[in-house]
Amino acid sequence: MKRIIVACGNGVATSQAVAFRINRMLEKNHLYDVKVEAVNIRELHRELKGAVAYVEVMKTDEKCDIPKIDGLVFLYGNANQKEEEFQRLLDILK
């Protein structure tokens, strides 16, 4: 199973909302072998191990070897922006 990490300050509200929206989009595309996890920003370094992508809700200086996706788009972006970032995510998952 592939893992995608979404992180915000406490791993509760914002990251959960983004993770939920991404999960819905994945389900609409019949991608059930992907786990989207909302985590606390303080746990980010540990949680990135084994993940295929990091959905960044809160800008950090965290260096990571996996692609970053703009998570704020899933909250505030228009339909085209959401689709564009989601397509980037799909390309990573292939």
PDB file of N, CA and C in Angstrom:
ATOM      1  N   MET A   1       0.834  -1.174   0.000  1.00  0.00           N
ATOM      2  CA  MET A   1       0.000   0.000   0.000  1.00  0.00           C
ATOM      3  C   MET A   1       0.884   1.244   0.000  1.00  0.00           C
ATOM      4  N   LYS A   2       0.550   2.205  -0.849  1.00  0.00           N
ATOM      5  CA  LYS A   2       1.292   3.460  -0.928  1.00  0.00           C
ATOM      6  C   LYS A   2       0.750   4.423   0.112  1.00  0.00           C
ATOM      7  N   ARG A   3       1.672   5.215   0.690  1.00  0.00           N
ATOM      8  CA  ARG A   3       1.296   6.180   1.729  1.00  0.00           C
ATOM      9  C   ARG A   3       1.532   7.603   1.263  1.00  0.00           C
ATOM     10  N   ILE A   4       0.573   8.456   1.565  1.00  0.00           N
ATOM     11  CA  ILE A   4       0.692   9.891   1.336  1.00  0.00           C
ATOM     12  C   ILE A   4       0.535  10.548   2.697  1.00  0.00           C
ATOM     13  N   ILE A   5       1.419  11.486   3.010  1.00  0.00           N
ATOM     14  CA  ILE A   5       1.393  12.162   4.297  1.00  0.00           C
ATOM     15  C   ILE A   5       0.895  13.589   4.111  1.00  0.00           C
ATOM     16  N   VAL A   6      -0.044  13.980   4.968  1.00  0.00           N
ATOM     17  CA  VAL A   6      -0.543  15.349   5.024  1.00  0.00           C
ATOM     18  C   VAL A   6      -0.245  15.840   6.434  1.00  0.00           C
ATOM     19  N   ALA A   7       0.401  17.008   6.558  1.00  0.00           N
ATOM     20  CA  ALA A   7       0.753  17.493   7.897  1.00  0.00           C
ATOM     21  C   ALA A   7       0.318  18.940   8.101  1.00  0.00           C
ATOM     22  N   CYS A   8      -0.132  19.200   9.325  1.00  0.00           N
ATOM     23  CA  CYS A   8      -0.414  20.567   9.757  1.00  0.00           C
ATOM     24  C   CYS A   8       0.029  20.687  11.206  1.00  0.00           C
ATOM     25  N   GLY A   9      -0.241  21.805  11.820  1.00  0.00           N
ATOM     26  CA  GLY A   9       0.236  22.081  13.174  1.00  0.00           C
ATOM     27  C   GLY A   9      -0.063  20.997  14.189  1.00  0.00           C
ATOM     28  N   ASN A  10      -1.299  20.540  14.249  1.00  0.00           N
ATOM     29  CA  ASN A  10      -1.663  19.527  15.229  1.00  0.00           C
ATOM     30  C   ASN A  10      -2.084  18.201  14.615  1.00  0.00           C
ATOM     31  N   GLY A  11      -2.201  18.131  13.305  1.00  0.00           N
ATOM     32  CA  GLY A  11      -2.616  16.889  12.666  1.00  0.00           C
ATOM     33  C   GLY A  11      -4.086  16.591  12.862  1.00  0.00           C
ATOM     34  N   VAL A  12      -4.863  17.622  13.149  1.00  0.00           N
ATOM     35  CA  VAL A  12      -6.267  17.386  13.457  1.00  0.00           C
ATOM     36  C   VAL A  12      -7.171  18.013  12.398  1.00  0.00           C
ATOM     37  N   ALA A  13      -7.336  19.299  12.402  1.00  0.00           N
ATOM     38  CA  ALA A  13      -8.366  19.936  11.574  1.00  0.00           C
ATOM     39  C   ALA A  13      -7.975  20.063  10.106  1.00  0.00           C
ATOM     40  N   THR A  14      -7.007  20.874   9.819  1.00  0.00           N
ATOM     41  CA  THR A  14      -6.671  21.190   8.431  1.00  0.00           C
ATOM     42  C   THR A  14      -6.164  19.970   7.682  1.00  0.00           C
ATOM     43  N   SER A  15      -5.226  19.262   8.261  1.00  0.00           N
ATOM     44  CA  SER A  15      -4.673  18.097   7.565  1.00  0.00           C
ATOM     45  C   SER A  15      -5.733  17.008   7.392  1.00  0.00           C
ATOM     46  N   GLN A  16      -6.615  16.866   8.362  1.00  0.00           N
ATOM     47  CA  GLN A  16      -7.696  15.879   8.244  1.00  0.00           C
ATOM     48  C   GLN A  16      -8.633  16.251   7.092  1.00  0.00           C
ATOM     49  N   ALA A  17      -8.945  17.537   6.969  1.00  0.00           N
ATOM     50  CA  ALA A  17      -9.826  17.985   5.890  1.00  0.00           C
ATOM     51  C   ALA A  17      -9.190  17.731   4.524  1.00  0.00           C
ATOM     52  N   VAL A  18      -7.907  18.034   4.389  1.00  0.00           N
ATOM     53  CA  VAL A  18      -7.204  17.807   3.125  1.00  0.00           C
ATOM     54  C   VAL A  18      -7.121  16.311   2.833  1.00  0.00           C
ATOM     55  N   ALA A  19      -6.788  15.513   3.835  1.00  0.00           N
ATOM     56  CA  ALA A  19      -6.700  14.063   3.652  1.00  0.00           C
ATOM     57  C   ALA A  19      -8.047  13.495   3.212  1.00  0.00           C
ATOM     58  N   PHE A  20      -9.126  13.968   3.805  1.00  0.00           N
ATOM     59  CA  PHE A  20     -10.470  13.511   3.438  1.00  0.00           C
ATOM     60  C   PHE A  20     -10.777  13.831   1.977  1.00  0.00           C
ATOM     61  N   ARG A  21     -10.460  15.045   1.557  1.00  0.00           N
ATOM     62  CA  ARG A  21     -10.731  15.440   0.172  1.00  0.00           C
ATOM     63  C   ARG A  21      -9.900  14.631  -0.820  1.00  0.00           C
ATOM     64  N   ILE A  22      -8.647  14.394  -0.481  1.00  0.00           N
ATOM     65  CA  ILE A  22      -7.801  13.586  -1.367  1.00  0.00           C
ATOM     66  C   ILE A  22      -8.315  12.151  -1.414  1.00  0.00           C
ATOM     67  N   ASN A  23      -8.702  11.608  -0.271  1.00  0.00           N
ATOM     68  CA  ASN A  23      -9.259  10.249  -0.253  1.00  0.00           C
ATOM     69  C   ASN A  23     -10.489  10.137  -1.143  1.00  0.00           C
ATOM     70  N   ARG A  24     -11.364  11.126  -1.086  1.00  0.00           N
ATOM     71  CA  ARG A  24     -12.559  11.109  -1.944  1.00  0.00           C
ATOM     72  C   ARG A  24     -12.179  11.119  -3.414  1.00  0.00           C
ATOM     73  N   MET A  25     -11.190  11.928  -3.772  1.00  0.00           N
ATOM     74  CA  MET A  25     -10.751  12.000  -5.168  1.00  0.00           C
ATOM     75  C   MET A  25     -10.114  10.676  -5.599  1.00  0.00           C
ATOM     76  N   LEU A  26      -9.351  10.057  -4.708  1.00  0.00           N
ATOM     77  CA  LEU A  26      -8.743   8.763  -5.014  1.00  0.00           C
ATOM     78  C   LEU A  26      -9.816   7.703  -5.233  1.00  0.00           C
ATOM     79  N   GLU A  27     -10.835   7.697  -4.378  1.00  0.00           N
ATOM     80  CA  GLU A  27     -11.928   6.730  -4.515  1.00  0.00           C
ATOM     81  C   GLU A  27     -12.680   6.919  -5.831  1.00  0.00           C
ATOM     82  N   LYS A  28     -12.894   8.167  -6.234  1.00  0.00           N
ATOM     83  CA  LYS A  28     -13.571   8.441  -7.501  1.00  0.00           C
ATOM     84  C   LYS A  28     -12.771   7.911  -8.686  1.00  0.00           C
ATOM     85  N   ASN A  29     -11.450   7.807  -8.486  1.00  0.00           N
ATOM     86  CA  ASN A  29     -10.565   7.273  -9.522  1.00  0.00           C
ATOM     87  C   ASN A  29     -10.250   5.795  -9.291  1.00  0.00           C
ATOM     88  N   HIS A  30     -10.989   5.160  -8.381  1.00  0.00           N
ATOM     89  CA  HIS A  30     -10.864   3.728  -8.086  1.00  0.00           C
ATOM     90  C   HIS A  30      -9.463   3.338  -7.629  1.00  0.00           C
ATOM     91  N   LEU A  31      -8.839   4.223  -6.865  1.00  0.00           N
ATOM     92  CA  LEU A  31      -7.521   3.940  -6.301  1.00  0.00           C
ATOM     93  C   LEU A  31      -7.698   3.642  -4.818  1.00  0.00           C
ATOM     94  N   TYR A  32      -7.730   2.362  -4.503  1.00  0.00           N
ATOM     95  CA  TYR A  32      -7.995   1.931  -3.131  1.00  0.00           C
ATOM     96  C   TYR A  32      -6.744   1.426  -2.426  1.00  0.00           C
ATOM     97  N   ASP A  33      -5.612   1.411  -3.122  1.00  0.00           N
ATOM     98  CA  ASP A  33      -4.377   0.905  -2.532  1.00  0.00           C
ATOM     99  C   ASP A  33      -3.476   2.031  -2.032  1.00  0.00           C
ATOM    100  N   VAL A  34      -4.092   3.162  -1.706  1.00  0.00           N
ATOM    101  CA  VAL A  34      -3.355   4.327  -1.230  1.00  0.00           C
ATOM    102  C   VAL A  34      -3.915   4.729   0.130  1.00  0.00           C
ATOM    103  N   LYS A  35      -3.016   4.977   1.071  1.00  0.00           N
ATOM    104  CA  LYS A  35      -3.413   5.406   2.410  1.00  0.00           C
ATOM    105  C   LYS A  35      -2.964   6.855   2.598  1.00  0.00           C
ATOM    106  N   VAL A  36      -3.904   7.746   2.866  1.00  0.00           N
ATOM    107  CA  VAL A  36      -3.598   9.155   3.114  1.00  0.00           C
ATOM    108  C   VAL A  36      -3.668   9.374   4.615  1.00  0.00           C
ATOM    109  N   GLU A  37      -2.555   9.808   5.205  1.00  0.00           N
ATOM    110  CA  GLU A  37      -2.468   9.957   6.648  1.00  0.00           C
ATOM    111  C   GLU A  37      -2.259  11.412   7.039  1.00  0.00           C
ATOM    112  N   ALA A  38      -3.087  11.913   7.928  1.00  0.00           N
ATOM    113  CA  ALA A  38      -2.931  13.250   8.499  1.00  0.00           C
ATOM    114  C   ALA A  38      -2.089  13.123   9.769  1.00  0.00           C
ATOM    115  N   VAL A  39      -1.018  13.917   9.838  1.00  0.00           N
ATOM    116  CA  VAL A  39      -0.113  13.830  10.980  1.00  0.00           C
ATOM    117  C   VAL A  39       0.201  15.206  11.538  1.00  0.00           C
ATOM    118  N   ASN A  40       0.727  15.200  12.734  1.00  0.00           N
ATOM    119  CA  ASN A  40       1.201  16.383  13.421  1.00  0.00           C
ATOM    120  C   ASN A  40       2.525  16.805  12.788  1.00  0.00           C
ATOM    121  N   ILE A  41       2.727  18.090  12.583  1.00  0.00           N
ATOM    122  CA  ILE A  41       3.946  18.578  11.937  1.00  0.00           C
ATOM    123  C   ILE A  41       5.207  18.168  12.701  1.00  0.00           C
ATOM    124  N   ARG A  42       5.095  17.999  14.002  1.00  0.00           N
ATOM    125  CA  ARG A  42       6.263  17.597  14.799  1.00  0.00           C
ATOM    126  C   ARG A  42       6.678  16.155  14.513  1.00  0.00           C
ATOM    127  N   GLU A  43       5.772  15.357  13.966  1.00  0.00           N
ATOM    128  CA  GLU A  43       6.068  13.960  13.634  1.00  0.00           C
ATOM    129  C   GLU A  43       6.437  13.775  12.167  1.00  0.00           C
ATOM    130  N   LEU A  44       6.482  14.872  11.441  1.00  0.00           N
ATOM    131  CA  LEU A  44       6.640  14.799   9.993  1.00  0.00           C
ATOM    132  C   LEU A  44       7.866  14.014   9.554  1.00  0.00           C
ATOM    133  N   HIS A  45       9.014  14.325  10.102  1.00  0.00           N
ATOM    134  CA  HIS A  45      10.250  13.657   9.669  1.00  0.00           C
ATOM    135  C   HIS A  45      10.139  12.139   9.776  1.00  0.00           C
ATOM    136  N   ARG A  46       9.601  11.677  10.881  1.00  0.00           N
ATOM    137  CA  ARG A  46       9.440  10.232  11.096  1.00  0.00           C
ATOM    138  C   ARG A  46       8.394   9.649  10.145  1.00  0.00           C
ATOM    139  N   GLU A  47       7.303  10.357   9.953  1.00  0.00           N
ATOM    140  CA  GLU A  47       6.193   9.856   9.137  1.00  0.00           C
ATOM    141  C   GLU A  47       6.507   9.830   7.638  1.00  0.00           C
ATOM    142  N   LEU A  48       7.447  10.640   7.192  1.00  0.00           N
ATOM    143  CA  LEU A  48       7.779  10.674   5.764  1.00  0.00           C
ATOM    144  C   LEU A  48       8.482   9.403   5.293  1.00  0.00           C
ATOM    145  N   LYS A  49       9.063   8.658   6.214  1.00  0.00           N
ATOM    146  CA  LYS A  49       9.751   7.420   5.840  1.00  0.00           C
ATOM    147  C   LYS A  49       8.755   6.444   5.243  1.00  0.00           C
ATOM    148  N   GLY A  50       9.008   6.012   4.035  1.00  0.00           N
ATOM    149  CA  GLY A  50       8.150   5.059   3.363  1.00  0.00           C
ATOM    150  C   GLY A  50       6.989   5.671   2.610  1.00  0.00           C
ATOM    151  N   ALA A  51       6.832   6.990   2.694  1.00  0.00           N
ATOM    152  CA  ALA A  51       5.738   7.648   1.974  1.00  0.00           C
ATOM    153  C   ALA A  51       6.170   7.954   0.539  1.00  0.00           C
ATOM    154  N   VAL A  52       5.192   8.058  -0.364  1.00  0.00           N
ATOM    155  CA  VAL A  52       5.493   8.377  -1.759  1.00  0.00           C
ATOM    156  C   VAL A  52       5.304   9.855  -2.060  1.00  0.00           C
ATOM    157  N   ALA A  53       4.561  10.580  -1.192  1.00  0.00           N
ATOM    158  CA  ALA A  53       4.340  12.006  -1.405  1.00  0.00           C
ATOM    159  C   ALA A  53       4.014  12.684  -0.082  1.00  0.00           C
ATOM    160  N   TYR A  54       4.314  13.971  -0.035  1.00  0.00           N
ATOM    161  CA  TYR A  54       4.020  14.801   1.122  1.00  0.00           C
ATOM    162  C   TYR A  54       3.117  15.934   0.660  1.00  0.00           C
ATOM    163  N   VAL A  55       1.923  15.995   1.209  1.00  0.00           N
ATOM    164  CA  VAL A  55       0.986  17.070   0.899  1.00  0.00           C
ATOM    165  C   VAL A  55       1.196  18.139   1.961  1.00  0.00           C
ATOM    166  N   GLU A  56       1.746  19.246   1.535  1.00  0.00           N
ATOM    167  CA  GLU A  56       2.181  20.303   2.438  1.00  0.00           C
ATOM    168  C   GLU A  56       1.049  21.303   2.676  1.00  0.00           C
ATOM    169  N   VAL A  57       0.533  21.322   3.890  1.00  0.00           N
ATOM    170  CA  VAL A  57      -0.507  22.269   4.270  1.00  0.00           C
ATOM    171  C   VAL A  57       0.130  23.474   4.946  1.00  0.00           C
ATOM    172  N   MET A  58       1.206  23.217   5.641  1.00  0.00           N
ATOM    173  CA  MET A  58       1.924  24.238   6.394  1.00  0.00           C
ATOM    174  C   MET A  58       3.348  24.276   5.869  1.00  0.00           C
ATOM    175  N   LYS A  59       3.788  25.424   5.411  1.00  0.00           N
ATOM    176  CA  LYS A  59       5.140  25.545   4.866  1.00  0.00           C
ATOM    177  C   LYS A  59       6.179  25.285   5.959  1.00  0.00           C
ATOM    178  N   THR A  60       7.134  24.430   5.628  1.00  0.00           N
ATOM    179  CA  THR A  60       8.214  24.116   6.558  1.00  0.00           C
ATOM    180  C   THR A  60       9.530  24.102   5.801  1.00  0.00           C
ATOM    181  N   ASP A  61      10.597  24.021   6.543  1.00  0.00           N
ATOM    182  CA  ASP A  61      11.926  23.883   5.941  1.00  0.00           C
ATOM    183  C   ASP A  61      12.326  22.418   5.852  1.00  0.00           C
ATOM    184  N   GLU A  62      11.361  21.533   6.084  1.00  0.00           N
ATOM    185  CA  GLU A  62      11.631  20.097   6.083  1.00  0.00           C
ATOM    186  C   GLU A  62      12.170  19.663   4.722  1.00  0.00           C
ATOM    187  N   LYS A  63      13.331  19.075   4.748  1.00  0.00           N
ATOM    188  CA  LYS A  63      13.915  18.529   3.519  1.00  0.00           C
ATOM    189  C   LYS A  63      13.418  17.100   3.384  1.00  0.00           C
ATOM    190  N   CYS A  64      12.933  16.770   2.209  1.00  0.00           N
ATOM    191  CA  CYS A  64      12.482  15.401   2.013  1.00  0.00           C
ATOM    192  C   CYS A  64      12.821  14.957   0.596  1.00  0.00           C
ATOM    193  N   ASP A  65      12.961  13.663   0.456  1.00  0.00           N
ATOM    194  CA  ASP A  65      13.340  13.079  -0.824  1.00  0.00           C
ATOM    195  C   ASP A  65      12.139  12.645  -1.648  1.00  0.00           C
ATOM    196  N   ILE A  66      10.965  13.047  -1.228  1.00  0.00           N
ATOM    197  CA  ILE A  66       9.762  12.688  -1.968  1.00  0.00           C
ATOM    198  C   ILE A  66       9.083  13.971  -2.459  1.00  0.00           C
ATOM    199  N   PRO A  67       8.264  13.855  -3.479  1.00  0.00           N
ATOM    200  CA  PRO A  67       7.611  15.050  -4.023  1.00  0.00           C
ATOM    201  C   PRO A  67       6.656  15.695  -3.019  1.00  0.00           C
ATOM    202  N   LYS A  68       6.595  17.025  -3.094  1.00  0.00           N
ATOM    203  CA  LYS A  68       5.663  17.794  -2.281  1.00  0.00           C
ATOM    204  C   LYS A  68       4.498  18.257  -3.160  1.00  0.00           C
ATOM    205  N   ILE A  69       3.317  18.183  -2.605  1.00  0.00           N
ATOM    206  CA  ILE A  69       2.096  18.632  -3.262  1.00  0.00           C
ATOM    207  C   ILE A  69       1.546  19.795  -2.443  1.00  0.00           C
ATOM    208  N   ASP A  70       1.004  20.802  -3.107  1.00  0.00           N
ATOM    209  CA  ASP A  70       0.430  21.957  -2.425  1.00  0.00           C
ATOM    210  C   ASP A  70      -0.928  21.591  -1.835  1.00  0.00           C
ATOM    211  N   GLY A  71      -0.976  21.394  -0.540  1.00  0.00           N
ATOM    212  CA  GLY A  71      -2.205  20.978   0.123  1.00  0.00           C
ATOM    213  C   GLY A  71      -3.235  22.078   0.269  1.00  0.00           C
ATOM    214  N   LEU A  72      -2.789  23.333   0.303  1.00  0.00           N
ATOM    215  CA  LEU A  72      -3.736  24.435   0.452  1.00  0.00           C
ATOM    216  C   LEU A  72      -4.682  24.538  -0.736  1.00  0.00           C
ATOM    217  N   VAL A  73      -4.245  24.056  -1.877  1.00  0.00           N
ATOM    218  CA  VAL A  73      -5.104  24.053  -3.064  1.00  0.00           C
ATOM    219  C   VAL A  73      -6.371  23.239  -2.807  1.00  0.00           C
ATOM    220  N   PHE A  74      -6.251  22.148  -2.060  1.00  0.00           N
ATOM    221  CA  PHE A  74      -7.409  21.294  -1.795  1.00  0.00           C
ATOM    222  C   PHE A  74      -8.404  21.959  -0.838  1.00  0.00           C
ATOM    223  N   LEU A  75      -7.961  23.004  -0.147  1.00  0.00           N
ATOM    224  CA  LEU A  75      -8.860  23.757   0.732  1.00  0.00           C
ATOM    225  C   LEU A  75      -9.415  25.009   0.059  1.00  0.00           C
ATOM    226  N   TYR A  76      -8.539  25.760  -0.604  1.00  0.00           N
ATOM    227  CA  TYR A  76      -8.908  27.089  -1.082  1.00  0.00           C
ATOM    228  C   TYR A  76      -8.854  27.267  -2.594  1.00  0.00           C
ATOM    229  N   GLY A  77      -8.323  26.296  -3.298  1.00  0.00           N
ATOM    230  CA  GLY A  77      -8.153  26.447  -4.737  1.00  0.00           C
ATOM    231  C   GLY A  77      -9.448  26.270  -5.507  1.00  0.00           C
ATOM    232  N   ASN A  78      -9.421  26.730  -6.739  1.00  0.00           N
ATOM    233  CA  ASN A  78     -10.578  26.505  -7.609  1.00  0.00           C
ATOM    234  C   ASN A  78     -10.506  25.097  -8.187  1.00  0.00           C
ATOM    235  N   ALA A  79     -11.522  24.711  -8.911  1.00  0.00           N
ATOM    236  CA  ALA A  79     -11.611  23.339  -9.436  1.00  0.00           C
ATOM    237  C   ALA A  79     -10.417  22.986 -10.314  1.00  0.00           C
ATOM    238  N   ASN A  80      -9.975  23.918 -11.139  1.00  0.00           N
ATOM    239  CA  ASN A  80      -8.834  23.642 -12.024  1.00  0.00           C
ATOM    240  C   ASN A  80      -7.548  23.433 -11.235  1.00  0.00           C
ATOM    241  N   GLN A  81      -7.340  24.245 -10.212  1.00  0.00           N
ATOM    242  CA  GLN A  81      -6.143  24.096  -9.388  1.00  0.00           C
ATOM    243  C   GLN A  81      -6.149  22.766  -8.642  1.00  0.00           C
ATOM    244  N   LYS A  82      -7.302  22.400  -8.104  1.00  0.00           N
ATOM    245  CA  LYS A  82      -7.416  21.117  -7.398  1.00  0.00           C
ATOM    246  C   LYS A  82      -7.131  19.959  -8.339  1.00  0.00           C
ATOM    247  N   GLU A  83      -7.686  20.026  -9.530  1.00  0.00           N
ATOM    248  CA  GLU A  83      -7.485  18.944 -10.504  1.00  0.00           C
ATOM    249  C   GLU A  83      -6.023  18.862 -10.927  1.00  0.00           C
ATOM    250  N   GLU A  84      -5.380  20.006 -11.085  1.00  0.00           N
ATOM    251  CA  GLU A  84      -3.970  20.029 -11.489  1.00  0.00           C
ATOM    252  C   GLU A  84      -3.079  19.389 -10.420  1.00  0.00           C
ATOM    253  N   GLU A  85      -3.284  19.761  -9.155  1.00  0.00           N
ATOM    254  CA  GLU A  85      -2.485  19.169  -8.077  1.00  0.00           C
ATOM    255  C   GLU A  85      -2.812  17.694  -7.914  1.00  0.00           C
ATOM    256  N   PHE A  86      -4.071  17.338  -8.060  1.00  0.00           N
ATOM    257  CA  PHE A  86      -4.442  15.929  -7.956  1.00  0.00           C
ATOM    258  C   PHE A  86      -3.800  15.122  -9.079  1.00  0.00           C
ATOM    259  N   GLN A  87      -3.730  15.697 -10.272  1.00  0.00           N
ATOM    260  CA  GLN A  87      -3.079  15.006 -11.386  1.00  0.00           C
ATOM    261  C   GLN A  87      -1.596  14.792 -11.090  1.00  0.00           C
ATOM    262  N   ARG A  88      -0.949  15.781 -10.473  1.00  0.00           N
ATOM    263  CA  ARG A  88       0.448  15.608 -10.054  1.00  0.00           C
ATOM    264  C   ARG A  88       0.568  14.428  -9.096  1.00  0.00           C
ATOM    265  N   LEU A  89      -0.391  14.322  -8.189  1.00  0.00           N
ATOM    266  CA  LEU A  89      -0.403  13.226  -7.233  1.00  0.00           C
ATOM    267  C   LEU A  89      -0.602  11.886  -7.945  1.00  0.00           C
ATOM    268  N   LEU A  90      -1.509  11.849  -8.908  1.00  0.00           N
ATOM    269  CA  LEU A  90      -1.722  10.617  -9.669  1.00  0.00           C
ATOM    270  C   LEU A  90      -0.465  10.201 -10.422  1.00  0.00           C
ATOM    271  N   ASP A  91       0.236  11.167 -10.991  1.00  0.00           N
ATOM    272  CA  ASP A  91       1.486  10.857 -11.703  1.00  0.00           C
ATOM    273  C   ASP A  91       2.527  10.258 -10.764  1.00  0.00           C
ATOM    274  N   ILE A  92       2.560  10.732  -9.535  1.00  0.00           N
ATOM    275  CA  ILE A  92       3.493  10.197  -8.531  1.00  0.00           C
ATOM    276  C   ILE A  92       3.119   8.759  -8.177  1.00  0.00           C
ATOM    277  N   LEU A  93       1.829   8.492  -8.100  1.00  0.00           N
ATOM    278  CA  LEU A  93       1.353   7.171  -7.703  1.00  0.00           C
ATOM    279  C   LEU A  93       1.554   6.110  -8.784  1.00  0.00           C
ATOM    280  N   LYS A  94       1.759   6.521 -10.007  1.00  0.00           N
ATOM    281  CA  LYS A  94       1.926   5.532 -11.104  1.00  0.00           C
ATOM    282  C   LYS A  94       3.245   4.841 -11.042  1.00  0.00           C
TER     283      LYS A  94
END
